[in-house]
Amino acid sequence: MSIWFKPYILEEIATLTNKHLTRHLGIELQELGEDYIRARMPVDERTKMPFGLLHGGASCVLAESLASWAAFLCIDPQRQNMVGLEINANHIRSVAGGWVSGICKPLHRGRSTQVWDVRIEDETGKLVCISRVTMAILDKGKTA
């Protein structure tokens, strides 16, 4: 059974993100499951640090983007907004090129907060980064 507020299709979600930071970093949505969302990001001049390896901040952008999309898909967008509250990331392995992919799954979906688990892997399936993202759920008209 799907955890999303309504039935969504991947292309519908992608149109929400084609003008923002994710576009500049080359992040591509890949899959929307019943309780997860997956995206990939290139490891290139946009996402590397000067030493030629994937920048940890780029991994955090991928993780928070996935969690934000997932949180949005779980709320009633007519009544609620969601904002990032906290992100934690452990960088496990370096990557020098190719692609990394992240999969985001819920740990907690409450009335006012959601906590998402994001695992980022390289093209061989080796763990690169693990992140936990907490999202605040706000009623429209209220601020964080």
N, C-alpha and C. Protein backbone atom coordinates (compact mmCIF):
# COMPACT_ATOMS: atom_id res chain seq x y z
N MET A 1 0.84 -1.18 0.00
CA MET A 1 0.00 0.00 0.00
C MET A 1 0.89 1.25 0.00
N SER A 2 0.54 2.20 -0.82
CA SER A 2 1.33 3.42 -0.97
C SER A 2 1.22 4.34 0.24
N ILE A 3 2.32 4.98 0.59
CA ILE A 3 2.32 5.95 1.70
C ILE A 3 2.04 7.37 1.20
N TRP A 4 1.97 7.58 -0.10
CA TRP A 4 1.84 8.92 -0.65
C TRP A 4 0.41 9.45 -0.48
N PHE A 5 0.28 10.78 -0.34
CA PHE A 5 -1.00 11.44 -0.13
C PHE A 5 -2.00 11.12 -1.24
N LYS A 6 -1.51 11.08 -2.47
CA LYS A 6 -2.34 10.74 -3.61
C LYS A 6 -1.48 9.98 -4.61
N PRO A 7 -2.07 9.36 -5.59
CA PRO A 7 -1.24 8.70 -6.61
C PRO A 7 -0.45 9.73 -7.41
N TYR A 8 0.84 9.57 -7.45
CA TYR A 8 1.71 10.45 -8.24
C TYR A 8 2.42 9.61 -9.28
N ILE A 9 2.83 10.25 -10.35
CA ILE A 9 3.70 9.61 -11.33
C ILE A 9 5.02 10.37 -11.34
N LEU A 10 6.08 9.69 -11.65
CA LEU A 10 7.42 10.26 -11.59
C LEU A 10 7.55 11.54 -12.40
N GLU A 11 7.00 11.57 -13.59
CA GLU A 11 7.11 12.76 -14.46
C GLU A 11 6.45 13.98 -13.82
N GLU A 12 5.38 13.77 -13.07
CA GLU A 12 4.70 14.86 -12.38
C GLU A 12 5.61 15.48 -11.32
N ILE A 13 6.34 14.67 -10.60
CA ILE A 13 7.25 15.15 -9.57
C ILE A 13 8.43 15.85 -10.22
N ALA A 14 8.93 15.30 -11.30
CA ALA A 14 10.10 15.87 -11.98
C ALA A 14 9.82 17.30 -12.44
N THR A 15 8.59 17.61 -12.84
CA THR A 15 8.28 18.97 -13.30
C THR A 15 8.39 19.98 -12.15
N LEU A 16 8.26 19.53 -10.92
CA LEU A 16 8.38 20.42 -9.77
C LEU A 16 9.82 20.83 -9.50
N THR A 17 10.77 20.09 -10.05
CA THR A 17 12.17 20.26 -9.66
C THR A 17 13.08 20.72 -10.79
N ASN A 18 12.53 20.99 -11.97
CA ASN A 18 13.40 21.25 -13.11
C ASN A 18 13.96 22.66 -13.19
N LYS A 19 13.77 23.50 -12.19
CA LYS A 19 14.30 24.86 -12.23
C LYS A 19 15.17 25.17 -11.01
N HIS A 20 15.48 24.22 -10.21
CA HIS A 20 16.11 24.48 -8.92
C HIS A 20 17.50 23.88 -8.82
N LEU A 21 18.04 23.85 -7.62
CA LEU A 21 19.40 23.36 -7.37
C LEU A 21 19.61 21.95 -7.93
N THR A 22 18.61 21.12 -7.83
CA THR A 22 18.75 19.76 -8.34
C THR A 22 19.07 19.75 -9.83
N ARG A 23 18.48 20.65 -10.56
CA ARG A 23 18.76 20.74 -12.01
C ARG A 23 20.21 21.15 -12.24
N HIS A 24 20.70 22.11 -11.48
CA HIS A 24 22.08 22.59 -11.65
C HIS A 24 23.11 21.50 -11.34
N LEU A 25 22.76 20.61 -10.42
CA LEU A 25 23.67 19.52 -10.07
C LEU A 25 23.46 18.27 -10.91
N GLY A 26 22.47 18.29 -11.79
CA GLY A 26 22.23 17.14 -12.66
C GLY A 26 21.50 16.00 -11.99
N ILE A 27 20.81 16.26 -10.90
CA ILE A 27 20.08 15.22 -10.19
C ILE A 27 18.86 14.82 -11.00
N GLU A 28 18.67 13.51 -11.16
CA GLU A 28 17.58 12.96 -11.95
C GLU A 28 16.75 12.01 -11.11
N LEU A 29 15.45 12.24 -11.06
CA LEU A 29 14.55 11.28 -10.43
C LEU A 29 14.52 10.01 -11.27
N GLN A 30 14.53 8.87 -10.61
CA GLN A 30 14.56 7.60 -11.32
C GLN A 30 13.36 6.72 -11.07
N GLU A 31 12.89 6.69 -9.83
CA GLU A 31 11.87 5.70 -9.49
C GLU A 31 11.05 6.18 -8.30
N LEU A 32 9.77 5.89 -8.35
CA LEU A 32 8.86 6.17 -7.25
C LEU A 32 8.15 4.86 -6.91
N GLY A 33 8.47 4.33 -5.73
CA GLY A 33 7.82 3.11 -5.28
C GLY A 33 6.69 3.41 -4.32
N GLU A 34 6.13 2.38 -3.73
CA GLU A 34 5.03 2.59 -2.80
C GLU A 34 5.46 3.26 -1.50
N ASP A 35 6.74 3.11 -1.12
CA ASP A 35 7.24 3.72 0.11
C ASP A 35 8.66 4.24 -0.03
N TYR A 36 9.08 4.53 -1.24
CA TYR A 36 10.42 5.05 -1.44
C TYR A 36 10.48 5.89 -2.72
N ILE A 37 11.55 6.69 -2.80
CA ILE A 37 11.83 7.46 -4.00
C ILE A 37 13.33 7.35 -4.26
N ARG A 38 13.71 7.24 -5.52
CA ARG A 38 15.11 7.06 -5.90
C ARG A 38 15.50 8.12 -6.93
N ALA A 39 16.73 8.61 -6.79
CA ALA A 39 17.28 9.57 -7.75
C ALA A 39 18.77 9.30 -7.90
N ARG A 40 19.35 9.84 -8.98
CA ARG A 40 20.79 9.70 -9.17
C ARG A 40 21.40 11.07 -9.44
N MET A 41 22.71 11.15 -9.21
CA MET A 41 23.45 12.40 -9.39
C MET A 41 24.80 12.09 -10.01
N PRO A 42 25.22 12.88 -11.01
CA PRO A 42 26.53 12.65 -11.60
C PRO A 42 27.65 13.08 -10.65
N VAL A 43 28.76 12.39 -10.75
CA VAL A 43 29.97 12.82 -10.04
C VAL A 43 30.85 13.44 -11.13
N ASP A 44 30.74 14.78 -11.25
CA ASP A 44 31.46 15.52 -12.28
C ASP A 44 31.87 16.88 -11.73
N GLU A 45 32.24 17.81 -12.60
CA GLU A 45 32.75 19.10 -12.15
C GLU A 45 31.74 19.87 -11.31
N ARG A 46 30.46 19.58 -11.44
CA ARG A 46 29.43 20.26 -10.64
C ARG A 46 29.36 19.75 -9.22
N THR A 47 29.77 18.50 -8.99
CA THR A 47 29.55 17.87 -7.69
C THR A 47 30.83 17.43 -6.99
N LYS A 48 31.97 17.71 -7.62
CA LYS A 48 33.25 17.33 -7.01
C LYS A 48 33.87 18.48 -6.23
N MET A 49 34.68 18.13 -5.24
CA MET A 49 35.50 19.12 -4.55
C MET A 49 36.80 19.30 -5.35
N PRO A 50 37.60 20.30 -5.02
CA PRO A 50 38.82 20.57 -5.82
C PRO A 50 39.78 19.38 -5.92
N PHE A 51 39.72 18.44 -4.99
CA PHE A 51 40.61 17.28 -5.02
C PHE A 51 40.13 16.19 -5.97
N GLY A 52 38.99 16.41 -6.64
CA GLY A 52 38.52 15.47 -7.63
C GLY A 52 37.58 14.39 -7.14
N LEU A 53 37.12 14.51 -5.90
CA LEU A 53 36.20 13.51 -5.34
C LEU A 53 34.84 14.13 -5.09
N LEU A 54 33.82 13.29 -4.99
CA LEU A 54 32.46 13.75 -4.70
C LEU A 54 32.47 14.62 -3.44
N HIS A 55 31.91 15.80 -3.54
CA HIS A 55 31.81 16.73 -2.42
C HIS A 55 30.73 16.24 -1.46
N GLY A 56 31.04 16.22 -0.17
CA GLY A 56 30.06 15.79 0.82
C GLY A 56 28.81 16.65 0.81
N GLY A 57 28.97 17.93 0.51
CA GLY A 57 27.81 18.82 0.41
C GLY A 57 26.88 18.42 -0.71
N ALA A 58 27.43 17.93 -1.81
CA ALA A 58 26.60 17.46 -2.92
C ALA A 58 25.79 16.23 -2.49
N SER A 59 26.42 15.34 -1.72
CA SER A 59 25.68 14.19 -1.18
C SER A 59 24.54 14.66 -0.29
N CYS A 60 24.78 15.70 0.50
CA CYS A 60 23.73 16.24 1.37
C CYS A 60 22.60 16.85 0.54
N VAL A 61 22.95 17.52 -0.58
CA VAL A 61 21.90 18.07 -1.45
C VAL A 61 21.04 16.94 -2.01
N LEU A 62 21.67 15.86 -2.46
CA LEU A 62 20.91 14.72 -2.97
C LEU A 62 20.01 14.15 -1.87
N ALA A 63 20.55 13.97 -0.68
CA ALA A 63 19.77 13.41 0.43
C ALA A 63 18.61 14.32 0.81
N GLU A 64 18.86 15.60 0.97
CA GLU A 64 17.78 16.50 1.38
C GLU A 64 16.75 16.67 0.27
N SER A 65 17.19 16.64 -0.97
CA SER A 65 16.23 16.73 -2.08
C SER A 65 15.30 15.52 -2.08
N LEU A 66 15.86 14.34 -1.91
CA LEU A 66 15.03 13.14 -1.86
C LEU A 66 14.04 13.20 -0.69
N ALA A 67 14.53 13.59 0.48
CA ALA A 67 13.65 13.67 1.65
C ALA A 67 12.58 14.73 1.47
N SER A 68 12.93 15.85 0.85
CA SER A 68 11.95 16.90 0.60
C SER A 68 10.86 16.43 -0.35
N TRP A 69 11.27 15.76 -1.44
CA TRP A 69 10.28 15.23 -2.37
C TRP A 69 9.38 14.23 -1.66
N ALA A 70 9.98 13.33 -0.90
CA ALA A 70 9.20 12.31 -0.20
C ALA A 70 8.23 12.95 0.79
N ALA A 71 8.70 13.93 1.55
CA ALA A 71 7.84 14.61 2.52
C ALA A 71 6.68 15.29 1.80
N PHE A 72 6.98 15.96 0.70
CA PHE A 72 5.93 16.63 -0.07
C PHE A 72 4.88 15.64 -0.55
N LEU A 73 5.32 14.48 -0.98
CA LEU A 73 4.39 13.48 -1.50
C LEU A 73 3.47 12.91 -0.42
N CYS A 74 3.85 13.11 0.85
CA CYS A 74 3.06 12.58 1.97
C CYS A 74 2.08 13.59 2.56
N ILE A 75 2.14 14.84 2.15
CA ILE A 75 1.27 15.86 2.75
C ILE A 75 0.17 16.27 1.79
N ASP A 76 -0.82 16.95 2.33
CA ASP A 76 -1.86 17.59 1.52
C ASP A 76 -1.32 18.98 1.15
N PRO A 77 -0.87 19.18 -0.08
CA PRO A 77 -0.24 20.45 -0.44
C PRO A 77 -1.20 21.64 -0.42
N GLN A 78 -2.49 21.39 -0.34
CA GLN A 78 -3.46 22.48 -0.22
C GLN A 78 -3.50 23.03 1.21
N ARG A 79 -3.14 22.19 2.17
CA ARG A 79 -3.22 22.58 3.59
C ARG A 79 -1.88 22.70 4.29
N GLN A 80 -0.83 22.08 3.73
CA GLN A 80 0.44 21.99 4.45
C GLN A 80 1.63 22.35 3.57
N ASN A 81 2.70 22.75 4.25
CA ASN A 81 4.02 22.93 3.65
C ASN A 81 4.99 22.06 4.42
N MET A 82 6.15 21.82 3.84
CA MET A 82 7.18 21.11 4.57
C MET A 82 8.52 21.82 4.36
N VAL A 83 9.34 21.78 5.41
CA VAL A 83 10.66 22.40 5.36
C VAL A 83 11.66 21.48 6.06
N GLY A 84 12.92 21.57 5.62
CA GLY A 84 13.96 20.80 6.27
C GLY A 84 14.22 21.32 7.67
N LEU A 85 14.38 20.41 8.61
CA LEU A 85 14.64 20.77 10.00
C LEU A 85 16.05 20.38 10.42
N GLU A 86 16.51 19.21 9.96
CA GLU A 86 17.84 18.73 10.35
C GLU A 86 18.30 17.70 9.34
N ILE A 87 19.62 17.71 9.08
CA ILE A 87 20.21 16.67 8.24
C ILE A 87 21.49 16.18 8.90
N ASN A 88 21.67 14.88 8.86
CA ASN A 88 22.89 14.24 9.36
C ASN A 88 23.40 13.37 8.24
N ALA A 89 24.69 13.42 8.00
CA ALA A 89 25.26 12.59 6.93
C ALA A 89 26.59 12.00 7.38
N ASN A 90 26.74 10.72 7.13
CA ASN A 90 28.02 10.04 7.34
C ASN A 90 28.55 9.66 5.97
N HIS A 91 29.72 10.20 5.64
CA HIS A 91 30.35 9.93 4.35
C HIS A 91 31.26 8.72 4.52
N ILE A 92 30.91 7.63 3.86
CA ILE A 92 31.54 6.33 4.07
C ILE A 92 32.68 6.07 3.10
N ARG A 93 32.46 6.41 1.83
CA ARG A 93 33.42 6.05 0.78
C ARG A 93 33.49 7.18 -0.23
N SER A 94 34.66 7.40 -0.80
CA SER A 94 34.82 8.45 -1.81
C SER A 94 34.45 7.90 -3.19
N VAL A 95 34.09 8.84 -4.07
CA VAL A 95 33.75 8.51 -5.45
C VAL A 95 34.42 9.55 -6.33
N ALA A 96 35.09 9.10 -7.40
CA ALA A 96 35.82 10.02 -8.27
C ALA A 96 35.10 10.30 -9.59
N GLY A 97 34.12 9.51 -9.95
CA GLY A 97 33.42 9.73 -11.21
C GLY A 97 32.24 8.81 -11.35
N GLY A 98 31.51 8.99 -12.43
CA GLY A 98 30.33 8.17 -12.69
C GLY A 98 29.08 8.78 -12.08
N TRP A 99 28.28 7.93 -11.48
CA TRP A 99 27.02 8.35 -10.87
C TRP A 99 26.91 7.77 -9.47
N VAL A 100 26.19 8.47 -8.61
CA VAL A 100 25.74 7.92 -7.33
C VAL A 100 24.22 7.95 -7.36
N SER A 101 23.62 7.01 -6.67
CA SER A 101 22.16 7.00 -6.58
C SER A 101 21.75 6.92 -5.12
N GLY A 102 20.65 7.59 -4.83
CA GLY A 102 20.12 7.61 -3.47
C GLY A 102 18.72 7.05 -3.43
N ILE A 103 18.44 6.33 -2.37
CA ILE A 103 17.08 5.83 -2.14
C ILE A 103 16.63 6.35 -0.78
N CYS A 104 15.42 6.86 -0.74
CA CYS A 104 14.88 7.50 0.45
C CYS A 104 13.65 6.73 0.92
N LYS A 105 13.67 6.34 2.21
CA LYS A 105 12.56 5.60 2.81
C LYS A 105 12.21 6.24 4.16
N PRO A 106 10.95 6.11 4.57
CA PRO A 106 10.55 6.74 5.84
C PRO A 106 11.02 5.97 7.06
N LEU A 107 11.41 6.71 8.08
CA LEU A 107 11.64 6.14 9.41
C LEU A 107 10.49 6.52 10.33
N HIS A 108 9.92 7.73 10.10
CA HIS A 108 8.80 8.23 10.92
C HIS A 108 8.01 9.23 10.09
N ARG A 109 6.71 9.07 10.06
CA ARG A 109 5.82 10.02 9.38
C ARG A 109 4.75 10.45 10.36
N GLY A 110 5.04 11.52 11.09
CA GLY A 110 4.10 12.02 12.08
C GLY A 110 3.33 13.23 11.58
N ARG A 111 2.49 13.77 12.45
CA ARG A 111 1.67 14.92 12.10
C ARG A 111 2.50 16.17 11.88
N SER A 112 3.55 16.38 12.69
CA SER A 112 4.33 17.61 12.59
C SER A 112 5.78 17.39 12.16
N THR A 113 6.24 16.14 12.16
CA THR A 113 7.60 15.85 11.69
C THR A 113 7.61 14.54 10.91
N GLN A 114 8.58 14.47 10.03
CA GLN A 114 8.86 13.24 9.30
C GLN A 114 10.36 13.03 9.36
N VAL A 115 10.79 11.79 9.47
CA VAL A 115 12.21 11.46 9.46
C VAL A 115 12.44 10.46 8.34
N TRP A 116 13.43 10.76 7.48
CA TRP A 116 13.70 9.96 6.29
C TRP A 116 15.12 9.43 6.32
N ASP A 117 15.27 8.19 5.88
CA ASP A 117 16.56 7.53 5.76
C ASP A 117 16.96 7.56 4.29
N VAL A 118 18.17 8.07 4.00
CA VAL A 118 18.65 8.12 2.63
C VAL A 118 19.99 7.39 2.56
N ARG A 119 20.06 6.41 1.67
CA ARG A 119 21.29 5.66 1.43
C ARG A 119 21.77 6.00 0.03
N ILE A 120 23.00 6.47 -0.07
CA ILE A 120 23.60 6.82 -1.35
C ILE A 120 24.68 5.81 -1.67
N GLU A 121 24.61 5.24 -2.88
CA GLU A 121 25.55 4.21 -3.31
C GLU A 121 26.21 4.59 -4.62
N ASP A 122 27.38 4.01 -4.88
CA ASP A 122 28.04 4.22 -6.17
C ASP A 122 27.46 3.24 -7.19
N GLU A 123 28.02 3.25 -8.39
CA GLU A 123 27.48 2.42 -9.47
C GLU A 123 27.66 0.92 -9.22
N THR A 124 28.55 0.54 -8.31
CA THR A 124 28.74 -0.87 -8.00
C THR A 124 27.90 -1.31 -6.80
N GLY A 125 27.10 -0.40 -6.24
CA GLY A 125 26.26 -0.72 -5.10
C GLY A 125 26.93 -0.55 -3.75
N LYS A 126 28.16 0.02 -3.74
CA LYS A 126 28.85 0.24 -2.48
C LYS A 126 28.32 1.51 -1.82
N LEU A 127 28.14 1.44 -0.50
CA LEU A 127 27.61 2.57 0.26
C LEU A 127 28.60 3.72 0.26
N VAL A 128 28.13 4.89 -0.13
CA VAL A 128 28.94 6.10 -0.18
C VAL A 128 28.60 7.03 0.98
N CYS A 129 27.31 7.16 1.27
CA CYS A 129 26.85 8.08 2.31
C CYS A 129 25.53 7.56 2.85
N ILE A 130 25.35 7.73 4.14
CA ILE A 130 24.05 7.44 4.76
C ILE A 130 23.62 8.70 5.47
N SER A 131 22.37 9.06 5.28
CA SER A 131 21.88 10.33 5.81
C SER A 131 20.51 10.14 6.45
N ARG A 132 20.27 10.93 7.48
CA ARG A 132 18.95 10.99 8.11
C ARG A 132 18.49 12.44 8.00
N VAL A 133 17.29 12.65 7.47
CA VAL A 133 16.77 13.99 7.26
C VAL A 133 15.44 14.12 8.00
N THR A 134 15.33 15.16 8.81
CA THR A 134 14.08 15.45 9.53
C THR A 134 13.41 16.64 8.87
N MET A 135 12.14 16.44 8.56
CA MET A 135 11.34 17.48 7.93
C MET A 135 10.26 17.95 8.89
N ALA A 136 10.04 19.26 8.94
CA ALA A 136 8.93 19.82 9.72
C ALA A 136 7.73 19.97 8.80
N ILE A 137 6.56 19.59 9.29
CA ILE A 137 5.32 19.72 8.53
C ILE A 137 4.54 20.87 9.16
N LEU A 138 4.26 21.88 8.33
CA LEU A 138 3.61 23.11 8.82
C LEU A 138 2.26 23.29 8.15
N ASP A 139 1.28 23.76 8.92
CA ASP A 139 0.02 24.15 8.31
C ASP A 139 0.26 25.42 7.51
N LYS A 140 -0.39 25.53 6.36
CA LYS A 140 -0.21 26.72 5.52
C LYS A 140 -0.60 27.96 6.31
N GLY A 141 0.16 29.02 6.12
CA GLY A 141 -0.08 30.26 6.84
C GLY A 141 0.78 30.39 8.08
N LYS A 142 1.41 29.29 8.53
CA LYS A 142 2.31 29.33 9.69
C LYS A 142 3.74 29.31 9.18
N THR A 143 4.66 29.84 9.95
CA THR A 143 6.07 29.82 9.59
C THR A 143 6.82 28.95 10.56
N ALA A 144 8.02 28.54 10.17
CA ALA A 144 8.83 27.64 11.00
C ALA A 144 9.32 28.30 12.26
